[in-house]
Amino acid sequence: MLLRGARQAHTWRARGISGLIGLLVAVQALGISAAPATASDRVWKDLREGAGIVILYRHALAPGGGDPSDFDVKDCSTQRNLSDAGRRQARDMGAALRQNKVNVRRVLSSPWCRSRETAELMKLGPVRTMMRFGSTFTAPSAVAQRRESLALKTIARQSNRSGVVVVSSHQANIVDLTGIAPTSGEGIVVRYTGGELTVIGRVPAPAIR
């Protein structure tokens, strides 16, 4: 009787392990990380040292995609904007940098309302808007390339300066610059060295709450 019970327990353990392996395979196939999203200690160390570093943030959560064809960059009512959850996320983005003692020297933003509001809610200092970090989602390729070039020059100018520069921008722009498509509220940490832009880490987006 005891032997039968042991065999049954072994069978259930084997099934459980098999099921767990199957779940992990399915998660990997979907491109979902099973590990918690946290920046590595090395990334936080680099950010605290802050030599020539820029964080390219995608603005916080703003449900939808793109903007209406007749939008006005100076009129927030015509644009896609942050949700209440996005505003909480933006505050958490700033809090994460403060908690990790990151010395932010300058804050730049796209003039689009969702990016500017993200930067303002992070409360890291005065926000300067720059069209070169504006959305290229609907821009012709020639305009996108020009903005990418100007944005790269802005980043390059930080290479020999102390303190971190925070940029609140858009997914399409960050893809153009780094090849990485960040989620809402995620930051791509870069440094311009040796005549090229180098990605040195990522700051995961705070959880939506």
C-alpha atoms as a PDB file:
ATOM      1  CA  MET A   1       0.000   0.000   0.000  1.00  0.00           C
ATOM      2  CA  LEU A   2       2.852   2.365   0.905  1.00  0.00           C
ATOM      3  CA  LEU A   3       4.668   1.410  -2.299  1.00  0.00           C
ATOM      4  CA  ARG A   4       1.562   2.171  -4.365  1.00  0.00           C
ATOM      5  CA  GLY A   5       1.221   5.575  -2.669  1.00  0.00           C
ATOM      6  CA  ALA A   6       4.881   6.356  -3.348  1.00  0.00           C
ATOM      7  CA  ARG A   7       4.444   5.437  -7.009  1.00  0.00           C
ATOM      8  CA  GLN A   8       1.405   7.705  -7.276  1.00  0.00           C
ATOM      9  CA  ALA A   9       3.275  10.589  -5.633  1.00  0.00           C
ATOM     10  CA  HIS A  10       6.182  10.086  -8.035  1.00  0.00           C
ATOM     11  CA  THR A  11       3.748  10.080 -10.984  1.00  0.00           C
ATOM     12  CA  TRP A  12       2.100  13.319  -9.859  1.00  0.00           C
ATOM     13  CA  ARG A  13       5.516  14.955  -9.281  1.00  0.00           C
ATOM     14  CA  ALA A  14       6.602  13.916 -12.782  1.00  0.00           C
ATOM     15  CA  ARG A  15       3.388  15.300 -14.263  1.00  0.00           C
ATOM     16  CA  GLY A  16       3.854  18.543 -12.317  1.00  0.00           C
ATOM     17  CA  ILE A  17       7.437  18.981 -13.531  1.00  0.00           C
ATOM     18  CA  SER A  18       6.381  18.137 -17.073  1.00  0.00           C
ATOM     19  CA  GLY A  19       3.580  20.705 -16.867  1.00  0.00           C
ATOM     20  CA  LEU A  20       5.928  23.352 -15.504  1.00  0.00           C
ATOM     21  CA  ILE A  21       8.420  22.722 -18.300  1.00  0.00           C
ATOM     22  CA  GLY A  22       5.595  22.968 -20.819  1.00  0.00           C
ATOM     23  CA  LEU A  23       4.486  26.279 -19.325  1.00  0.00           C
ATOM     24  CA  LEU A  24       8.021  27.696 -19.451  1.00  0.00           C
ATOM     25  CA  VAL A  25       8.392  26.634 -23.081  1.00  0.00           C
ATOM     26  CA  ALA A  26       5.079  28.304 -23.928  1.00  0.00           C
ATOM     27  CA  VAL A  27       6.106  31.492 -22.112  1.00  0.00           C
ATOM     28  CA  GLN A  28       9.417  31.595 -23.992  1.00  0.00           C
ATOM     29  CA  ALA A  29       7.637  31.002 -27.290  1.00  0.00           C
ATOM     30  CA  LEU A  30       5.460  34.038 -26.583  1.00  0.00           C
ATOM     31  CA  GLY A  31       8.541  36.142 -25.856  1.00  0.00           C
ATOM     32  CA  ILE A  32       7.534  36.709 -22.228  1.00  0.00           C
ATOM     33  CA  SER A  33      10.187  36.747 -19.523  1.00  0.00           C
ATOM     34  CA  ALA A  34       9.373  34.561 -16.527  1.00  0.00           C
ATOM     35  CA  ALA A  35      11.800  36.569 -14.376  1.00  0.00           C
ATOM     36  CA  PRO A  36      10.770  39.797 -12.624  1.00  0.00           C
ATOM     37  CA  ALA A  37      11.601  42.962 -14.595  1.00  0.00           C
ATOM     38  CA  THR A  38      14.356  44.765 -12.722  1.00  0.00           C
ATOM     39  CA  ALA A  39      17.365  46.717 -13.915  1.00  0.00           C
ATOM     40  CA  SER A  40      20.626  44.962 -13.189  1.00  0.00           C
ATOM     41  CA  ASP A  41      22.960  46.181 -10.463  1.00  0.00           C
ATOM     42  CA  ARG A  42      25.472  47.044 -13.193  1.00  0.00           C
ATOM     43  CA  VAL A  43      22.991  49.336 -14.941  1.00  0.00           C
ATOM     44  CA  TRP A  44      22.182  51.177 -11.711  1.00  0.00           C
ATOM     45  CA  LYS A  45      25.908  51.496 -10.976  1.00  0.00           C
ATOM     46  CA  ASP A  46      26.511  52.974 -14.444  1.00  0.00           C
ATOM     47  CA  LEU A  47      23.610  55.376 -13.945  1.00  0.00           C
ATOM     48  CA  ARG A  48      24.889  56.516 -10.551  1.00  0.00           C
ATOM     49  CA  GLU A  49      28.315  57.183 -12.061  1.00  0.00           C
ATOM     50  CA  GLY A  50      26.518  58.957 -14.903  1.00  0.00           C
ATOM     51  CA  ALA A  51      29.433  59.625 -17.275  1.00  0.00           C
ATOM     52  CA  GLY A  52      27.955  60.572 -20.650  1.00  0.00           C
ATOM     53  CA  ILE A  53      24.805  58.531 -20.102  1.00  0.00           C
ATOM     54  CA  VAL A  54      21.390  59.203 -21.639  1.00  0.00           C
ATOM     55  CA  ILE A  55      18.172  57.334 -20.817  1.00  0.00           C
ATOM     56  CA  LEU A  56      15.779  57.206 -23.761  1.00  0.00           C
ATOM     57  CA  TYR A  57      12.364  56.647 -22.205  1.00  0.00           C
ATOM     58  CA  ARG A  58       9.253  55.803 -24.094  1.00  0.00           C
ATOM     59  CA  HIS A  59       6.484  57.936 -22.594  1.00  0.00           C
ATOM     60  CA  ALA A  60       4.270  56.325 -19.969  1.00  0.00           C
ATOM     61  CA  LEU A  61       1.076  54.456 -20.835  1.00  0.00           C
ATOM     62  CA  ALA A  62      -1.115  56.285 -23.355  1.00  0.00           C
ATOM     63  CA  PRO A  63      -3.672  53.779 -24.690  1.00  0.00           C
ATOM     64  CA  GLY A  64      -4.028  53.505 -28.468  1.00  0.00           C
ATOM     65  CA  GLY A  65      -1.546  54.073 -31.269  1.00  0.00           C
ATOM     66  CA  GLY A  66      -0.336  57.098 -33.208  1.00  0.00           C
ATOM     67  CA  ASP A  67      -2.368  60.308 -33.380  1.00  0.00           C
ATOM     68  CA  PRO A  68      -5.352  61.504 -35.446  1.00  0.00           C
ATOM     69  CA  SER A  69      -4.354  62.780 -38.892  1.00  0.00           C
ATOM     70  CA  ASP A  70      -5.482  66.310 -38.006  1.00  0.00           C
ATOM     71  CA  PHE A  71      -3.773  66.504 -34.614  1.00  0.00           C
ATOM     72  CA  ASP A  72      -2.109  69.701 -33.407  1.00  0.00           C
ATOM     73  CA  VAL A  73       1.112  69.266 -31.400  1.00  0.00           C
ATOM     74  CA  LYS A  74       0.179  72.389 -29.400  1.00  0.00           C
ATOM     75  CA  ASP A  75      -3.324  71.140 -28.542  1.00  0.00           C
ATOM     76  CA  CYS A  76      -3.410  68.171 -26.174  1.00  0.00           C
ATOM     77  CA  SER A  77      -7.126  67.589 -26.848  1.00  0.00           C
ATOM     78  CA  THR A  78      -6.254  66.487 -30.404  1.00  0.00           C
ATOM     79  CA  GLN A  79      -3.628  63.945 -29.331  1.00  0.00           C
ATOM     80  CA  ARG A  80      -3.355  60.573 -27.650  1.00  0.00           C
ATOM     81  CA  ASN A  81      -2.663  61.262 -23.980  1.00  0.00           C
ATOM     82  CA  LEU A  82      -1.637  59.505 -20.788  1.00  0.00           C
ATOM     83  CA  SER A  83      -4.292  57.560 -18.929  1.00  0.00           C
ATOM     84  CA  ASP A  84      -4.593  57.805 -15.139  1.00  0.00           C
ATOM     85  CA  ALA A  85      -2.559  54.594 -14.936  1.00  0.00           C
ATOM     86  CA  GLY A  86       0.012  56.196 -17.227  1.00  0.00           C
ATOM     87  CA  ARG A  87       0.295  59.212 -14.921  1.00  0.00           C
ATOM     88  CA  ARG A  88       0.911  56.926 -11.946  1.00  0.00           C
ATOM     89  CA  GLN A  89       3.491  55.054 -14.017  1.00  0.00           C
ATOM     90  CA  ALA A  90       5.289  58.314 -14.908  1.00  0.00           C
ATOM     91  CA  ARG A  91       5.539  59.236 -11.226  1.00  0.00           C
ATOM     92  CA  ASP A  92       6.957  55.781 -10.492  1.00  0.00           C
ATOM     93  CA  MET A  93       9.526  56.206 -13.301  1.00  0.00           C
ATOM     94  CA  GLY A  94      10.917  59.279 -11.575  1.00  0.00           C
ATOM     95  CA  ALA A  95      10.745  57.666  -8.141  1.00  0.00           C
ATOM     96  CA  ALA A  96      12.858  54.726  -9.345  1.00  0.00           C
ATOM     97  CA  LEU A  97      15.671  57.068 -10.394  1.00  0.00           C
ATOM     98  CA  ARG A  98      15.534  58.988  -7.120  1.00  0.00           C
ATOM     99  CA  GLN A  99      15.476  55.805  -5.044  1.00  0.00           C
ATOM    100  CA  ASN A 100      18.579  54.575  -6.863  1.00  0.00           C
ATOM    101  CA  LYS A 101      20.336  57.936  -6.356  1.00  0.00           C
ATOM    102  CA  VAL A 102      20.719  58.739 -10.042  1.00  0.00           C
ATOM    103  CA  ASN A 103      22.013  62.270 -10.583  1.00  0.00           C
ATOM    104  CA  VAL A 104      19.851  63.691 -13.384  1.00  0.00           C
ATOM    105  CA  ARG A 105      21.519  66.697 -14.992  1.00  0.00           C
ATOM    106  CA  ARG A 106      18.993  67.521 -17.692  1.00  0.00           C
ATOM    107  CA  VAL A 107      15.496  66.498 -18.806  1.00  0.00           C
ATOM    108  CA  LEU A 108      14.515  66.666 -22.495  1.00  0.00           C
ATOM    109  CA  SER A 109      11.187  65.780 -24.043  1.00  0.00           C
ATOM    110  CA  SER A 110       9.270  65.462 -27.247  1.00  0.00           C
ATOM    111  CA  PRO A 111       6.738  68.324 -27.478  1.00  0.00           C
ATOM    112  CA  TRP A 112       3.894  65.782 -27.786  1.00  0.00           C
ATOM    113  CA  CYS A 113       1.684  66.087 -24.692  1.00  0.00           C
ATOM    114  CA  ARG A 114       2.039  62.472 -23.543  1.00  0.00           C
ATOM    115  CA  SER A 115       5.842  62.730 -23.568  1.00  0.00           C
ATOM    116  CA  ARG A 116       5.980  66.157 -21.965  1.00  0.00           C
ATOM    117  CA  GLU A 117       3.529  65.145 -19.238  1.00  0.00           C
ATOM    118  CA  THR A 118       5.584  62.012 -18.554  1.00  0.00           C
ATOM    119  CA  ALA A 119       8.726  64.110 -18.108  1.00  0.00           C
ATOM    120  CA  GLU A 120       6.944  66.630 -15.882  1.00  0.00           C
ATOM    121  CA  LEU A 121       5.376  63.957 -13.667  1.00  0.00           C
ATOM    122  CA  MET A 122       8.768  62.293 -13.174  1.00  0.00           C
ATOM    123  CA  LYS A 123       9.742  65.464 -11.246  1.00  0.00           C
ATOM    124  CA  LEU A 124      13.434  65.319 -12.063  1.00  0.00           C
ATOM    125  CA  GLY A 125      13.895  68.985 -12.923  1.00  0.00           C
ATOM    126  CA  PRO A 126      12.915  71.563 -15.552  1.00  0.00           C
ATOM    127  CA  VAL A 127      11.753  70.017 -18.840  1.00  0.00           C
ATOM    128  CA  ARG A 128      12.967  71.310 -22.197  1.00  0.00           C
ATOM    129  CA  THR A 129      10.968  70.211 -25.236  1.00  0.00           C
ATOM    130  CA  MET A 130      12.785  69.487 -28.509  1.00  0.00           C
ATOM    131  CA  MET A 131      11.072  68.698 -31.805  1.00  0.00           C
ATOM    132  CA  ARG A 132      13.912  66.351 -32.753  1.00  0.00           C
ATOM    133  CA  PHE A 133      12.552  63.925 -30.146  1.00  0.00           C
ATOM    134  CA  GLY A 134       8.986  64.293 -31.469  1.00  0.00           C
ATOM    135  CA  SER A 135       7.010  61.359 -32.811  1.00  0.00           C
ATOM    136  CA  THR A 136       8.094  60.015 -36.203  1.00  0.00           C
ATOM    137  CA  PHE A 137       5.187  57.545 -36.333  1.00  0.00           C
ATOM    138  CA  THR A 138       3.481  59.339 -39.223  1.00  0.00           C
ATOM    139  CA  ALA A 139       6.488  61.275 -40.535  1.00  0.00           C
ATOM    140  CA  PRO A 140       7.909  60.640 -44.027  1.00  0.00           C
ATOM    141  CA  SER A 141      11.166  58.672 -43.961  1.00  0.00           C
ATOM    142  CA  ALA A 142      13.270  61.712 -44.907  1.00  0.00           C
ATOM    143  CA  VAL A 143      11.899  63.649 -41.921  1.00  0.00           C
ATOM    144  CA  ALA A 144      12.417  60.641 -39.635  1.00  0.00           C
ATOM    145  CA  GLN A 145      16.032  60.319 -40.771  1.00  0.00           C
ATOM    146  CA  ARG A 146      16.653  64.024 -40.192  1.00  0.00           C
ATOM    147  CA  ARG A 147      15.204  63.871 -36.701  1.00  0.00           C
ATOM    148  CA  GLU A 148      17.190  60.733 -35.944  1.00  0.00           C
ATOM    149  CA  SER A 149      20.390  62.490 -37.017  1.00  0.00           C
ATOM    150  CA  LEU A 150      19.631  65.575 -34.907  1.00  0.00           C
ATOM    151  CA  ALA A 151      18.691  63.437 -31.896  1.00  0.00           C
ATOM    152  CA  LEU A 152      21.929  61.491 -32.240  1.00  0.00           C
ATOM    153  CA  LYS A 153      23.920  64.719 -32.261  1.00  0.00           C
ATOM    154  CA  THR A 154      22.154  65.825 -29.079  1.00  0.00           C
ATOM    155  CA  ILE A 155      23.071  62.533 -27.404  1.00  0.00           C
ATOM    156  CA  ALA A 156      26.662  62.715 -28.694  1.00  0.00           C
ATOM    157  CA  ARG A 157      27.126  66.095 -27.012  1.00  0.00           C
ATOM    158  CA  GLN A 158      26.614  64.424 -23.616  1.00  0.00           C
ATOM    159  CA  SER A 159      29.530  62.000 -24.093  1.00  0.00           C
ATOM    160  CA  ASN A 160      32.045  63.909 -21.947  1.00  0.00           C
ATOM    161  CA  ARG A 161      29.657  65.346 -19.370  1.00  0.00           C
ATOM    162  CA  SER A 162      28.778  64.150 -15.901  1.00  0.00           C
ATOM    163  CA  GLY A 163      25.228  63.504 -14.773  1.00  0.00           C
ATOM    164  CA  VAL A 164      22.487  61.615 -16.591  1.00  0.00           C
ATOM    165  CA  VAL A 165      20.309  63.124 -19.307  1.00  0.00           C
ATOM    166  CA  VAL A 166      16.715  61.849 -19.344  1.00  0.00           C
ATOM    167  CA  VAL A 167      14.781  61.969 -22.614  1.00  0.00           C
ATOM    168  CA  SER A 168      11.019  61.338 -22.800  1.00  0.00           C
ATOM    169  CA  SER A 169      10.240  60.324 -26.372  1.00  0.00           C
ATOM    170  CA  HIS A 170       8.397  57.763 -28.514  1.00  0.00           C
ATOM    171  CA  GLN A 171       8.827  54.125 -29.410  1.00  0.00           C
ATOM    172  CA  ALA A 172       9.434  54.766 -33.128  1.00  0.00           C
ATOM    173  CA  ASN A 173      12.238  57.237 -32.404  1.00  0.00           C
ATOM    174  CA  ILE A 174      13.938  54.890 -29.963  1.00  0.00           C
ATOM    175  CA  VAL A 175      13.711  52.018 -32.454  1.00  0.00           C
ATOM    176  CA  ASP A 176      15.363  54.247 -35.074  1.00  0.00           C
ATOM    177  CA  LEU A 177      18.207  55.074 -32.706  1.00  0.00           C
ATOM    178  CA  THR A 178      18.778  51.746 -30.962  1.00  0.00           C
ATOM    179  CA  GLY A 179      16.904  48.977 -32.788  1.00  0.00           C
ATOM    180  CA  ILE A 180      15.000  48.282 -29.544  1.00  0.00           C
ATOM    181  CA  ALA A 181      11.235  48.696 -29.178  1.00  0.00           C
ATOM    182  CA  PRO A 182      10.621  49.680 -25.534  1.00  0.00           C
ATOM    183  CA  THR A 183       7.311  49.208 -23.773  1.00  0.00           C
ATOM    184  CA  SER A 184       5.460  52.214 -22.336  1.00  0.00           C
ATOM    185  CA  GLY A 185       7.529  53.635 -19.484  1.00  0.00           C
ATOM    186  CA  GLU A 186      10.670  51.633 -20.282  1.00  0.00           C
ATOM    187  CA  GLY A 187      14.064  53.320 -20.597  1.00  0.00           C
ATOM    188  CA  ILE A 188      16.937  52.349 -22.903  1.00  0.00           C
ATOM    189  CA  VAL A 189      20.270  53.404 -21.399  1.00  0.00           C
ATOM    190  CA  VAL A 190      22.793  54.578 -23.984  1.00  0.00           C
ATOM    191  CA  ARG A 191      26.188  56.216 -24.255  1.00  0.00           C
ATOM    192  CA  TYR A 192      27.871  57.747 -27.306  1.00  0.00           C
ATOM    193  CA  THR A 193      31.435  56.455 -27.500  1.00  0.00           C
ATOM    194  CA  GLY A 194      33.889  55.769 -30.294  1.00  0.00           C
ATOM    195  CA  GLY A 195      31.704  57.559 -32.827  1.00  0.00           C
ATOM    196  CA  GLU A 196      28.678  55.343 -32.241  1.00  0.00           C
ATOM    197  CA  LEU A 197      25.723  54.893 -29.955  1.00  0.00           C
ATOM    198  CA  THR A 198      26.090  51.997 -27.525  1.00  0.00           C
ATOM    199  CA  VAL A 199      23.230  50.445 -25.551  1.00  0.00           C
ATOM    200  CA  ILE A 200      24.458  49.651 -22.061  1.00  0.00           C
ATOM    201  CA  GLY A 201      21.247  48.490 -20.412  1.00  0.00           C
ATOM    202  CA  ARG A 202      17.545  48.956 -19.820  1.00  0.00           C
ATOM    203  CA  VAL A 203      15.397  50.408 -17.050  1.00  0.00           C
ATOM    204  CA  PRO A 204      12.203  48.331 -17.013  1.00  0.00           C
ATOM    205  CA  ALA A 205       8.849  50.077 -16.979  1.00  0.00           C
ATOM    206  CA  PRO A 206       7.157  50.332 -13.581  1.00  0.00           C
ATOM    207  CA  ALA A 207       4.146  48.090 -13.196  1.00  0.00           C
ATOM    208  CA  ILE A 208       0.783  49.480 -14.266  1.00  0.00           C
ATOM    209  CA  ARG A 209      -1.406  50.068 -11.212  1.00  0.00           C
END
